[in-house]
Amino acid sequence: MIGFLRGTLLSKTPPQLVLDVNGVGYEIEAPMTTIYDLPGIGQSVSLFTHLIVREDAHILFGFATETERLLFRALIKVNGIGPKLALTILSGQSVAEFYRCVEDHDVKGLVRLPGVGQKTAERLIIEMRDRLPDLELSDQPRSSAVTVQTPLPSHSSRQEAISALCALGYKPQDAAKMIQAIKDTLDSSEAYIRAALKGAVR
């Protein structure tokens, strides 16, 4: 099992990134909460990881904090929650926000996430309630203390943001509407994704 990686960030196409670790490029899928804190290309990155082995693929997931990884591991144990949906949940909500939804029985707050219907939200609340105490909210410092973003042309950033939202489970037309609803000109695709997801869970 690969539990931790430290290397140089080679590329970042949310929700995927590539990390160069001593000359080996690791393709990693990460929640947007982790990607928001990544430094610029060529900078050093440390990630907690979880490897899922399937017959047709080995998929490596990366997380900025141990708490995010713990929550991911707890989520994929819930019936009907696969790695992709778990990643979507972590992308749409912080660990603290997810805790609140579970503790307050906030079904509506979970249903706003793509792929989470009424029954899935109810199942999450029931099954995760007993697992939350095992998750530590006090974390080690985030893997990348300094965020260095490289500004991209607005059109390119918006298109990348739409592609990322589709990869997280949103329908193409819904992803496009979410990005088009953002009137401000932002400096990166991550900024557009953050704004879109923030608007989606209000």
N, C-alpha and C. Protein backbone atom coordinates (compact mmCIF):
# COMPACT_ATOMS: atom_id res chain seq x y z
N MET A 1 0.84 -1.20 0.00
CA MET A 1 0.00 0.00 0.00
C MET A 1 0.88 1.25 0.00
N ILE A 2 0.56 2.20 -0.86
CA ILE A 2 1.27 3.48 -0.89
C ILE A 2 0.50 4.44 0.01
N GLY A 3 1.10 4.84 1.12
CA GLY A 3 0.39 5.68 2.09
C GLY A 3 0.75 7.14 2.07
N PHE A 4 1.89 7.48 1.46
CA PHE A 4 2.35 8.87 1.49
C PHE A 4 3.31 9.09 0.33
N LEU A 5 3.21 10.26 -0.30
CA LEU A 5 4.13 10.61 -1.39
C LEU A 5 4.60 12.05 -1.23
N ARG A 6 5.87 12.26 -1.51
CA ARG A 6 6.40 13.62 -1.56
C ARG A 6 7.19 13.75 -2.86
N GLY A 7 6.86 14.77 -3.63
CA GLY A 7 7.55 14.94 -4.90
C GLY A 7 7.26 16.29 -5.53
N THR A 8 7.56 16.39 -6.81
CA THR A 8 7.39 17.65 -7.55
C THR A 8 6.11 17.59 -8.38
N LEU A 9 5.31 18.63 -8.30
CA LEU A 9 4.06 18.68 -9.05
C LEU A 9 4.37 18.91 -10.53
N LEU A 10 4.01 17.93 -11.38
CA LEU A 10 4.29 18.03 -12.82
C LEU A 10 3.13 18.63 -13.59
N SER A 11 1.92 18.24 -13.22
CA SER A 11 0.74 18.77 -13.91
C SER A 11 -0.45 18.75 -12.97
N LYS A 12 -1.44 19.56 -13.31
CA LYS A 12 -2.63 19.70 -12.46
C LYS A 12 -3.82 19.95 -13.37
N THR A 13 -4.65 18.93 -13.55
CA THR A 13 -5.87 19.03 -14.33
C THR A 13 -7.01 18.50 -13.47
N PRO A 14 -7.59 19.36 -12.63
CA PRO A 14 -8.58 18.91 -11.65
C PRO A 14 -9.61 17.97 -12.26
N PRO A 15 -9.90 16.85 -11.58
CA PRO A 15 -9.39 16.46 -10.26
C PRO A 15 -8.15 15.57 -10.31
N GLN A 16 -7.41 15.57 -11.41
CA GLN A 16 -6.20 14.76 -11.51
C GLN A 16 -4.94 15.61 -11.40
N LEU A 17 -3.87 14.98 -10.92
CA LEU A 17 -2.57 15.63 -10.91
C LEU A 17 -1.51 14.56 -11.10
N VAL A 18 -0.31 15.00 -11.48
CA VAL A 18 0.81 14.07 -11.65
C VAL A 18 1.95 14.55 -10.77
N LEU A 19 2.48 13.63 -9.97
CA LEU A 19 3.55 13.94 -9.03
C LEU A 19 4.81 13.17 -9.42
N ASP A 20 5.92 13.88 -9.60
CA ASP A 20 7.20 13.25 -9.91
C ASP A 20 7.91 12.92 -8.60
N VAL A 21 8.03 11.62 -8.33
CA VAL A 21 8.71 11.17 -7.11
C VAL A 21 9.96 10.40 -7.52
N ASN A 22 11.09 11.07 -7.43
CA ASN A 22 12.38 10.46 -7.80
C ASN A 22 12.36 9.88 -9.20
N GLY A 23 11.77 10.64 -10.13
CA GLY A 23 11.78 10.23 -11.53
C GLY A 23 10.62 9.36 -11.95
N VAL A 24 9.74 9.02 -11.03
CA VAL A 24 8.55 8.23 -11.33
C VAL A 24 7.32 9.13 -11.25
N GLY A 25 6.54 9.17 -12.32
CA GLY A 25 5.35 10.03 -12.34
C GLY A 25 4.13 9.29 -11.84
N TYR A 26 3.57 9.73 -10.73
CA TYR A 26 2.37 9.11 -10.17
C TYR A 26 1.14 9.92 -10.56
N GLU A 27 0.18 9.25 -11.22
CA GLU A 27 -1.09 9.89 -11.53
C GLU A 27 -2.00 9.75 -10.31
N ILE A 28 -2.51 10.86 -9.83
CA ILE A 28 -3.27 10.87 -8.58
C ILE A 28 -4.58 11.62 -8.78
N GLU A 29 -5.65 11.07 -8.23
CA GLU A 29 -6.92 11.77 -8.20
C GLU A 29 -7.10 12.37 -6.82
N ALA A 30 -7.54 13.62 -6.77
CA ALA A 30 -7.63 14.31 -5.49
C ALA A 30 -8.91 15.13 -5.41
N PRO A 31 -9.46 15.29 -4.20
CA PRO A 31 -10.64 16.16 -4.05
C PRO A 31 -10.25 17.61 -4.26
N MET A 32 -11.22 18.43 -4.61
CA MET A 32 -10.92 19.83 -4.85
C MET A 32 -10.40 20.52 -3.60
N THR A 33 -10.81 20.06 -2.41
CA THR A 33 -10.31 20.67 -1.18
C THR A 33 -8.79 20.53 -1.09
N THR A 34 -8.24 19.47 -1.66
CA THR A 34 -6.79 19.29 -1.70
C THR A 34 -6.18 20.12 -2.84
N ILE A 35 -6.82 20.08 -4.00
CA ILE A 35 -6.28 20.79 -5.16
C ILE A 35 -6.22 22.30 -4.94
N TYR A 36 -7.19 22.85 -4.19
CA TYR A 36 -7.17 24.29 -3.90
C TYR A 36 -5.85 24.71 -3.26
N ASP A 37 -5.27 23.84 -2.46
CA ASP A 37 -4.08 24.19 -1.69
C ASP A 37 -2.76 23.80 -2.36
N LEU A 38 -2.84 23.25 -3.57
CA LEU A 38 -1.61 22.86 -4.25
C LEU A 38 -0.81 24.09 -4.67
N PRO A 39 0.51 23.99 -4.62
CA PRO A 39 1.36 25.09 -5.09
C PRO A 39 1.42 25.08 -6.61
N GLY A 40 2.29 25.91 -7.18
CA GLY A 40 2.43 25.97 -8.63
C GLY A 40 3.18 24.77 -9.19
N ILE A 41 3.08 24.60 -10.50
CA ILE A 41 3.79 23.51 -11.18
C ILE A 41 5.29 23.66 -10.91
N GLY A 42 5.94 22.52 -10.61
CA GLY A 42 7.37 22.55 -10.32
C GLY A 42 7.69 22.68 -8.85
N GLN A 43 6.66 22.88 -8.02
CA GLN A 43 6.86 23.02 -6.58
C GLN A 43 6.73 21.66 -5.89
N SER A 44 7.25 21.58 -4.68
CA SER A 44 7.20 20.35 -3.90
C SER A 44 5.83 20.16 -3.26
N VAL A 45 5.35 18.91 -3.27
CA VAL A 45 4.04 18.59 -2.71
C VAL A 45 4.15 17.31 -1.89
N SER A 46 3.45 17.28 -0.75
CA SER A 46 3.35 16.07 0.06
C SER A 46 1.88 15.71 0.20
N LEU A 47 1.56 14.43 -0.04
CA LEU A 47 0.17 13.99 0.01
C LEU A 47 0.03 12.67 0.75
N PHE A 48 -1.03 12.55 1.54
CA PHE A 48 -1.43 11.26 2.08
C PHE A 48 -2.18 10.55 0.95
N THR A 49 -1.96 9.27 0.80
CA THR A 49 -2.54 8.58 -0.35
C THR A 49 -3.31 7.31 0.05
N HIS A 50 -4.18 6.91 -0.85
CA HIS A 50 -4.93 5.65 -0.69
C HIS A 50 -4.97 4.99 -2.05
N LEU A 51 -4.53 3.75 -2.12
CA LEU A 51 -4.48 3.01 -3.38
C LEU A 51 -5.65 2.03 -3.47
N ILE A 52 -6.40 2.11 -4.55
CA ILE A 52 -7.48 1.17 -4.81
C ILE A 52 -7.09 0.30 -6.00
N VAL A 53 -7.10 -1.01 -5.78
CA VAL A 53 -6.70 -1.97 -6.82
C VAL A 53 -7.94 -2.65 -7.38
N ARG A 54 -8.12 -2.52 -8.69
CA ARG A 54 -9.21 -3.20 -9.38
C ARG A 54 -8.61 -4.10 -10.45
N GLU A 55 -9.45 -4.92 -11.03
CA GLU A 55 -8.96 -5.84 -12.05
C GLU A 55 -8.39 -5.09 -13.25
N ASP A 56 -9.01 -3.95 -13.57
CA ASP A 56 -8.61 -3.23 -14.77
C ASP A 56 -7.76 -1.99 -14.50
N ALA A 57 -7.51 -1.67 -13.22
CA ALA A 57 -6.74 -0.46 -12.94
C ALA A 57 -6.30 -0.38 -11.48
N HIS A 58 -5.19 0.33 -11.27
CA HIS A 58 -4.75 0.70 -9.93
C HIS A 58 -4.93 2.22 -9.84
N ILE A 59 -5.78 2.68 -8.93
CA ILE A 59 -6.09 4.10 -8.85
C ILE A 59 -5.57 4.66 -7.53
N LEU A 60 -4.77 5.72 -7.63
CA LEU A 60 -4.18 6.33 -6.45
C LEU A 60 -4.89 7.65 -6.14
N PHE A 61 -5.35 7.79 -4.92
CA PHE A 61 -6.04 9.00 -4.49
C PHE A 61 -5.13 9.75 -3.51
N GLY A 62 -5.12 11.08 -3.61
CA GLY A 62 -4.25 11.89 -2.76
C GLY A 62 -5.03 12.91 -1.95
N PHE A 63 -4.54 13.18 -0.73
CA PHE A 63 -5.24 14.08 0.18
C PHE A 63 -4.24 14.97 0.92
N ALA A 64 -4.62 16.24 1.10
CA ALA A 64 -3.74 17.19 1.77
C ALA A 64 -3.60 16.88 3.25
N THR A 65 -4.64 16.31 3.85
CA THR A 65 -4.61 16.03 5.29
C THR A 65 -5.00 14.59 5.58
N GLU A 66 -4.57 14.12 6.73
CA GLU A 66 -4.92 12.76 7.16
C GLU A 66 -6.43 12.66 7.40
N THR A 67 -7.05 13.73 7.87
CA THR A 67 -8.49 13.71 8.13
C THR A 67 -9.28 13.48 6.85
N GLU A 68 -8.88 14.13 5.75
CA GLU A 68 -9.57 13.92 4.47
C GLU A 68 -9.45 12.46 4.03
N ARG A 69 -8.27 11.88 4.23
CA ARG A 69 -8.10 10.48 3.85
C ARG A 69 -8.95 9.57 4.74
N LEU A 70 -8.99 9.84 6.03
CA LEU A 70 -9.82 9.05 6.94
C LEU A 70 -11.29 9.09 6.54
N LEU A 71 -11.77 10.30 6.18
CA LEU A 71 -13.16 10.43 5.79
C LEU A 71 -13.41 9.70 4.47
N PHE A 72 -12.48 9.80 3.52
CA PHE A 72 -12.60 9.08 2.25
C PHE A 72 -12.72 7.58 2.51
N ARG A 73 -11.86 7.06 3.38
CA ARG A 73 -11.87 5.63 3.68
C ARG A 73 -13.17 5.21 4.37
N ALA A 74 -13.70 6.08 5.21
CA ALA A 74 -14.97 5.78 5.87
C ALA A 74 -16.13 5.81 4.87
N LEU A 75 -16.08 6.76 3.95
CA LEU A 75 -17.16 6.91 2.97
C LEU A 75 -17.26 5.69 2.04
N ILE A 76 -16.12 5.18 1.58
CA ILE A 76 -16.16 4.07 0.62
C ILE A 76 -16.59 2.76 1.27
N LYS A 77 -16.73 2.76 2.59
CA LYS A 77 -17.24 1.58 3.29
C LYS A 77 -18.77 1.59 3.35
N VAL A 78 -19.35 2.74 3.02
CA VAL A 78 -20.81 2.85 3.03
C VAL A 78 -21.37 2.19 1.78
N ASN A 79 -22.40 1.40 1.94
CA ASN A 79 -23.02 0.70 0.81
C ASN A 79 -23.47 1.70 -0.25
N GLY A 80 -23.03 1.50 -1.49
CA GLY A 80 -23.43 2.37 -2.59
C GLY A 80 -22.54 3.57 -2.81
N ILE A 81 -21.52 3.75 -1.97
CA ILE A 81 -20.59 4.88 -2.13
C ILE A 81 -19.27 4.36 -2.65
N GLY A 82 -18.98 4.64 -3.91
CA GLY A 82 -17.70 4.24 -4.50
C GLY A 82 -16.67 5.36 -4.36
N PRO A 83 -15.45 5.09 -4.79
CA PRO A 83 -14.39 6.09 -4.70
C PRO A 83 -14.71 7.40 -5.41
N LYS A 84 -15.33 7.32 -6.59
CA LYS A 84 -15.63 8.54 -7.35
C LYS A 84 -16.63 9.42 -6.61
N LEU A 85 -17.67 8.80 -6.06
CA LEU A 85 -18.67 9.58 -5.32
C LEU A 85 -18.08 10.12 -4.03
N ALA A 86 -17.23 9.34 -3.38
CA ALA A 86 -16.56 9.81 -2.16
C ALA A 86 -15.71 11.04 -2.47
N LEU A 87 -15.03 11.00 -3.61
CA LEU A 87 -14.20 12.15 -4.02
C LEU A 87 -15.08 13.37 -4.31
N THR A 88 -16.24 13.15 -4.90
CA THR A 88 -17.17 14.23 -5.17
C THR A 88 -17.68 14.86 -3.89
N ILE A 89 -17.99 14.02 -2.90
CA ILE A 89 -18.46 14.53 -1.61
C ILE A 89 -17.39 15.38 -0.95
N LEU A 90 -16.15 14.91 -0.98
CA LEU A 90 -15.04 15.66 -0.37
C LEU A 90 -14.74 16.94 -1.14
N SER A 91 -15.04 16.95 -2.43
CA SER A 91 -14.81 18.13 -3.24
C SER A 91 -15.87 19.20 -2.98
N GLY A 92 -17.09 18.75 -2.70
CA GLY A 92 -18.19 19.68 -2.52
C GLY A 92 -18.34 20.21 -1.11
N GLN A 93 -17.73 19.52 -0.14
CA GLN A 93 -17.84 19.94 1.26
C GLN A 93 -16.53 19.71 1.99
N SER A 94 -16.25 20.56 2.95
CA SER A 94 -15.10 20.32 3.81
C SER A 94 -15.47 19.22 4.80
N VAL A 95 -14.48 18.69 5.50
CA VAL A 95 -14.75 17.66 6.50
C VAL A 95 -15.71 18.20 7.56
N ALA A 96 -15.48 19.43 7.99
CA ALA A 96 -16.33 20.04 9.01
C ALA A 96 -17.77 20.19 8.52
N GLU A 97 -17.95 20.57 7.25
CA GLU A 97 -19.29 20.72 6.69
C GLU A 97 -20.00 19.38 6.60
N PHE A 98 -19.27 18.33 6.24
CA PHE A 98 -19.87 17.00 6.18
C PHE A 98 -20.28 16.53 7.57
N TYR A 99 -19.41 16.78 8.56
CA TYR A 99 -19.74 16.46 9.95
C TYR A 99 -21.06 17.11 10.33
N ARG A 100 -21.18 18.39 9.98
CA ARG A 100 -22.38 19.13 10.38
C ARG A 100 -23.63 18.52 9.75
N CYS A 101 -23.54 18.16 8.46
CA CYS A 101 -24.69 17.56 7.77
C CYS A 101 -25.11 16.26 8.45
N VAL A 102 -24.14 15.45 8.82
CA VAL A 102 -24.46 14.17 9.47
C VAL A 102 -25.04 14.40 10.86
N GLU A 103 -24.39 15.24 11.64
CA GLU A 103 -24.83 15.47 13.01
C GLU A 103 -26.18 16.18 13.08
N ASP A 104 -26.47 17.06 12.10
CA ASP A 104 -27.74 17.79 12.08
C ASP A 104 -28.82 17.09 11.25
N HIS A 105 -28.50 15.89 10.75
CA HIS A 105 -29.44 15.17 9.87
C HIS A 105 -29.86 16.05 8.69
N ASP A 106 -28.90 16.76 8.12
CA ASP A 106 -29.18 17.70 7.03
C ASP A 106 -29.16 16.96 5.69
N VAL A 107 -30.27 16.31 5.38
CA VAL A 107 -30.37 15.57 4.12
C VAL A 107 -30.25 16.51 2.93
N LYS A 108 -30.88 17.67 2.99
CA LYS A 108 -30.84 18.62 1.89
C LYS A 108 -29.42 19.07 1.57
N GLY A 109 -28.61 19.24 2.61
CA GLY A 109 -27.23 19.66 2.39
C GLY A 109 -26.42 18.64 1.62
N LEU A 110 -26.75 17.36 1.79
CA LEU A 110 -26.05 16.29 1.07
C LEU A 110 -26.62 16.06 -0.32
N VAL A 111 -27.93 16.21 -0.46
CA VAL A 111 -28.58 15.97 -1.74
C VAL A 111 -28.12 16.97 -2.79
N ARG A 112 -27.63 18.13 -2.38
CA ARG A 112 -27.16 19.13 -3.34
C ARG A 112 -25.88 18.68 -4.06
N LEU A 113 -25.20 17.67 -3.52
CA LEU A 113 -23.99 17.17 -4.15
C LEU A 113 -24.37 16.24 -5.30
N PRO A 114 -23.64 16.30 -6.43
CA PRO A 114 -23.99 15.44 -7.58
C PRO A 114 -23.83 13.97 -7.22
N GLY A 115 -24.81 13.17 -7.64
CA GLY A 115 -24.75 11.74 -7.38
C GLY A 115 -25.32 11.32 -6.04
N VAL A 116 -25.69 12.28 -5.21
CA VAL A 116 -26.26 11.96 -3.90
C VAL A 116 -27.75 12.25 -3.92
N GLY A 117 -28.55 11.19 -3.95
CA GLY A 117 -30.00 11.34 -3.91
C GLY A 117 -30.51 11.26 -2.49
N GLN A 118 -31.82 11.31 -2.36
CA GLN A 118 -32.46 11.29 -1.04
C GLN A 118 -32.07 10.04 -0.24
N LYS A 119 -32.18 8.87 -0.86
CA LYS A 119 -31.89 7.63 -0.15
C LYS A 119 -30.41 7.52 0.21
N THR A 120 -29.55 7.95 -0.71
CA THR A 120 -28.11 7.91 -0.43
C THR A 120 -27.76 8.83 0.71
N ALA A 121 -28.34 10.03 0.73
CA ALA A 121 -28.09 10.99 1.80
C ALA A 121 -28.53 10.42 3.14
N GLU A 122 -29.70 9.82 3.17
CA GLU A 122 -30.20 9.23 4.41
C GLU A 122 -29.30 8.09 4.89
N ARG A 123 -28.83 7.28 3.92
CA ARG A 123 -27.93 6.18 4.27
C ARG A 123 -26.61 6.71 4.82
N LEU A 124 -26.11 7.77 4.21
CA LEU A 124 -24.87 8.39 4.68
C LEU A 124 -25.01 8.85 6.12
N ILE A 125 -26.10 9.52 6.42
CA ILE A 125 -26.31 10.05 7.76
C ILE A 125 -26.39 8.92 8.79
N ILE A 126 -27.10 7.86 8.44
CA ILE A 126 -27.26 6.73 9.37
C ILE A 126 -25.94 5.99 9.59
N GLU A 127 -25.26 5.65 8.47
CA GLU A 127 -24.06 4.83 8.58
C GLU A 127 -22.83 5.62 9.04
N MET A 128 -22.77 6.91 8.71
CA MET A 128 -21.59 7.69 9.07
C MET A 128 -21.66 8.21 10.51
N ARG A 129 -22.86 8.23 11.08
CA ARG A 129 -23.02 8.79 12.42
C ARG A 129 -22.11 8.10 13.43
N ASP A 130 -22.01 6.78 13.34
CA ASP A 130 -21.18 6.03 14.29
C ASP A 130 -19.70 6.06 13.93
N ARG A 131 -19.38 6.50 12.73
CA ARG A 131 -17.98 6.52 12.31
C ARG A 131 -17.32 7.87 12.52
N LEU A 132 -18.10 8.92 12.63
CA LEU A 132 -17.53 10.26 12.77
C LEU A 132 -16.62 10.42 13.98
N PRO A 133 -16.95 9.85 15.14
CA PRO A 133 -16.06 10.03 16.29
C PRO A 133 -14.65 9.49 16.07
N ASP A 134 -14.50 8.57 15.11
CA ASP A 134 -13.18 8.00 14.82
C ASP A 134 -12.32 8.93 13.98
N LEU A 135 -12.92 10.00 13.45
CA LEU A 135 -12.19 10.92 12.60
C LEU A 135 -11.71 12.11 13.42
N GLU A 136 -10.44 12.44 13.29
CA GLU A 136 -9.87 13.56 14.04
C GLU A 136 -9.99 14.84 13.23
N LEU A 137 -10.63 15.85 13.82
CA LEU A 137 -10.73 17.13 13.12
C LEU A 137 -9.46 17.95 13.29
N SER A 138 -8.66 17.64 14.32
CA SER A 138 -7.39 18.35 14.49
C SER A 138 -6.38 17.72 13.57
N ASP A 139 -5.92 18.48 12.59
CA ASP A 139 -5.07 17.95 11.53
C ASP A 139 -3.64 18.41 11.65
N GLN A 140 -2.78 17.68 10.97
CA GLN A 140 -1.44 18.18 10.73
C GLN A 140 -1.57 19.33 9.74
N PRO A 141 -0.56 20.20 9.65
CA PRO A 141 -0.63 21.31 8.69
C PRO A 141 -0.86 20.77 7.29
N ARG A 142 -1.55 21.55 6.48
CA ARG A 142 -1.81 21.14 5.11
C ARG A 142 -0.51 20.93 4.37
N SER A 143 -0.55 20.05 3.38
CA SER A 143 0.66 19.64 2.69
C SER A 143 1.36 20.79 1.98
N SER A 144 0.61 21.78 1.56
CA SER A 144 1.19 22.89 0.81
C SER A 144 0.80 24.19 1.49
N ALA A 145 1.68 24.73 2.27
CA ALA A 145 1.35 25.92 3.05
C ALA A 145 1.19 27.16 2.19
N VAL A 146 1.93 27.21 1.11
CA VAL A 146 1.87 28.38 0.24
C VAL A 146 1.26 28.00 -1.09
N THR A 147 0.24 28.71 -1.49
CA THR A 147 -0.41 28.44 -2.77
C THR A 147 0.12 29.40 -3.82
N VAL A 148 0.65 28.85 -4.89
CA VAL A 148 1.16 29.68 -5.97
C VAL A 148 0.41 29.31 -7.24
N GLN A 149 -0.50 30.15 -7.64
CA GLN A 149 -1.31 29.87 -8.81
C GLN A 149 -0.76 30.61 -10.02
N THR A 150 -0.78 29.93 -11.15
CA THR A 150 -0.37 30.56 -12.39
C THR A 150 -1.61 31.04 -13.13
N PRO A 151 -1.80 32.35 -13.27
CA PRO A 151 -3.01 32.85 -13.94
C PRO A 151 -3.16 32.28 -15.34
N LEU A 152 -4.37 31.95 -15.68
CA LEU A 152 -4.68 31.43 -17.01
C LEU A 152 -5.67 32.36 -17.68
N PRO A 153 -5.73 32.35 -18.99
CA PRO A 153 -6.75 33.14 -19.66
C PRO A 153 -8.12 32.73 -19.16
N SER A 154 -9.02 33.69 -19.03
CA SER A 154 -10.33 33.44 -18.45
C SER A 154 -11.07 32.32 -19.17
N HIS A 155 -11.07 32.34 -20.51
CA HIS A 155 -11.80 31.34 -21.27
C HIS A 155 -11.25 29.95 -20.98
N SER A 156 -9.91 29.81 -20.97
CA SER A 156 -9.28 28.53 -20.71
C SER A 156 -9.62 28.05 -19.30
N SER A 157 -9.59 28.94 -18.33
CA SER A 157 -9.89 28.59 -16.95
C SER A 157 -11.32 28.10 -16.82
N ARG A 158 -12.24 28.78 -17.49
CA ARG A 158 -13.65 28.38 -17.42
C ARG A 158 -13.86 26.99 -18.05
N GLN A 159 -13.22 26.74 -19.18
CA GLN A 159 -13.37 25.44 -19.84
C GLN A 159 -12.78 24.32 -18.98
N GLU A 160 -11.64 24.57 -18.38
CA GLU A 160 -11.02 23.58 -17.51
C GLU A 160 -11.90 23.31 -16.30
N ALA A 161 -12.53 24.36 -15.79
CA ALA A 161 -13.41 24.21 -14.64
C ALA A 161 -14.62 23.36 -15.00
N ILE A 162 -15.18 23.58 -16.17
CA ILE A 162 -16.33 22.78 -16.63
C ILE A 162 -15.94 21.31 -16.76
N SER A 163 -14.77 21.05 -17.33
CA SER A 163 -14.30 19.67 -17.48
C SER A 163 -14.10 19.01 -16.12
N ALA A 164 -13.58 19.77 -15.17
CA ALA A 164 -13.34 19.23 -13.83
C ALA A 164 -14.66 18.90 -13.14
N LEU A 165 -15.66 19.77 -13.28
CA LEU A 165 -16.96 19.52 -12.67
C LEU A 165 -17.62 18.27 -13.28
N CYS A 166 -17.42 18.08 -14.58
CA CYS A 166 -17.95 16.87 -15.24
C CYS A 166 -17.26 15.63 -14.67
N ALA A 167 -15.95 15.73 -14.44
CA ALA A 167 -15.21 14.60 -13.88
C ALA A 167 -15.67 14.29 -12.47
N LEU A 168 -16.20 15.29 -11.77
CA LEU A 168 -16.69 15.10 -10.41
C LEU A 168 -18.13 14.58 -10.37
N GLY A 169 -18.75 14.44 -11.54
CA GLY A 169 -20.08 13.85 -11.57
C GLY A 169 -21.20 14.74 -12.04
N TYR A 170 -20.91 16.01 -12.32
CA TYR A 170 -21.96 16.91 -12.81
C TYR A 170 -22.21 16.66 -14.29
N LYS A 171 -23.45 16.81 -14.73
CA LYS A 171 -23.78 16.71 -16.14
C LYS A 171 -23.17 17.91 -16.86
N PRO A 172 -22.72 17.73 -18.12
CA PRO A 172 -22.07 18.82 -18.86
C PRO A 172 -22.88 20.11 -18.89
N GLN A 173 -24.20 20.00 -19.12
CA GLN A 173 -25.02 21.21 -19.19
C GLN A 173 -25.12 21.90 -17.83
N ASP A 174 -25.16 21.09 -16.75
CA ASP A 174 -25.22 21.67 -15.41
C ASP A 174 -23.89 22.33 -15.05
N ALA A 175 -22.79 21.67 -15.43
CA ALA A 175 -21.46 22.22 -15.15
C ALA A 175 -21.29 23.55 -15.87
N ALA A 176 -21.72 23.60 -17.12
CA ALA A 176 -21.61 24.84 -17.90
C ALA A 176 -22.43 25.97 -17.27
N LYS A 177 -23.66 25.64 -16.83
CA LYS A 177 -24.49 26.66 -16.19
C LYS A 177 -23.86 27.18 -14.91
N MET A 178 -23.27 26.28 -14.13
CA MET A 178 -22.64 26.68 -12.87
C MET A 178 -21.50 27.67 -13.12
N ILE A 179 -20.70 27.40 -14.16
CA ILE A 179 -19.56 28.29 -14.46
C ILE A 179 -20.04 29.59 -15.10
N GLN A 180 -21.04 29.49 -15.97
CA GLN A 180 -21.56 30.70 -16.62
C GLN A 180 -22.21 31.65 -15.62
N ALA A 181 -22.69 31.09 -14.52
CA ALA A 181 -23.34 31.92 -13.49
C ALA A 181 -22.34 32.79 -12.73
N ILE A 182 -21.05 32.47 -12.88
CA ILE A 182 -20.01 33.25 -12.20
C ILE A 182 -19.65 34.43 -13.09
N LYS A 183 -20.05 35.61 -12.70
CA LYS A 183 -19.85 36.80 -13.53
C LYS A 183 -18.46 37.39 -13.39
N ASP A 184 -17.83 37.16 -12.24
CA ASP A 184 -16.49 37.73 -12.02
C ASP A 184 -15.46 37.00 -12.87
N THR A 185 -14.38 37.69 -13.23
CA THR A 185 -13.27 37.07 -13.93
C THR A 185 -12.25 36.62 -12.89
N LEU A 186 -12.06 35.31 -12.79
CA LEU A 186 -11.16 34.74 -11.80
C LEU A 186 -9.86 34.31 -12.47
N ASP A 187 -8.82 34.10 -11.66
CA ASP A 187 -7.48 33.89 -12.25
C ASP A 187 -7.07 32.44 -12.45
N SER A 188 -7.94 31.49 -12.11
CA SER A 188 -7.55 30.09 -12.30
C SER A 188 -8.79 29.20 -12.37
N SER A 189 -8.61 28.01 -12.93
CA SER A 189 -9.73 27.06 -13.00
C SER A 189 -10.16 26.64 -11.60
N GLU A 190 -9.17 26.52 -10.69
CA GLU A 190 -9.50 26.15 -9.31
C GLU A 190 -10.42 27.17 -8.66
N ALA A 191 -10.18 28.44 -8.96
CA ALA A 191 -11.01 29.50 -8.39
C ALA A 191 -12.45 29.41 -8.91
N TYR A 192 -12.60 29.09 -10.19
CA TYR A 192 -13.94 28.93 -10.77
C TYR A 192 -14.64 27.71 -10.15
N ILE A 193 -13.89 26.62 -9.98
CA ILE A 193 -14.48 25.41 -9.39
C ILE A 193 -14.92 25.67 -7.96
N ARG A 194 -14.08 26.35 -7.20
CA ARG A 194 -14.42 26.66 -5.81
C ARG A 194 -15.70 27.50 -5.75
N ALA A 195 -15.78 28.51 -6.61
CA ALA A 195 -16.96 29.39 -6.64
C ALA A 195 -18.21 28.62 -7.05
N ALA A 196 -18.05 27.73 -8.05
CA ALA A 196 -19.20 26.96 -8.54
C ALA A 196 -19.71 26.00 -7.48
N LEU A 197 -18.79 25.30 -6.82
CA LEU A 197 -19.20 24.33 -5.79
C LEU A 197 -19.79 25.05 -4.58
N LYS A 198 -19.26 26.23 -4.28
CA LYS A 198 -19.80 27.00 -3.16
C LYS A 198 -21.25 27.39 -3.45
N GLY A 199 -21.51 27.80 -4.69
CA GLY A 199 -22.86 28.18 -5.07
C GLY A 199 -23.80 27.00 -5.10
N ALA A 200 -23.28 25.82 -5.44
CA ALA A 200 -24.10 24.63 -5.59
C ALA A 200 -24.63 24.12 -4.26
N VAL A 201 -23.91 24.37 -3.16
CA VAL A 201 -24.31 23.80 -1.87
C VAL A 201 -24.98 24.82 -0.96
N ARG A 202 -25.31 25.99 -1.47
CA ARG A 202 -26.00 26.98 -0.66
C ARG A 202 -27.42 26.54 -0.37
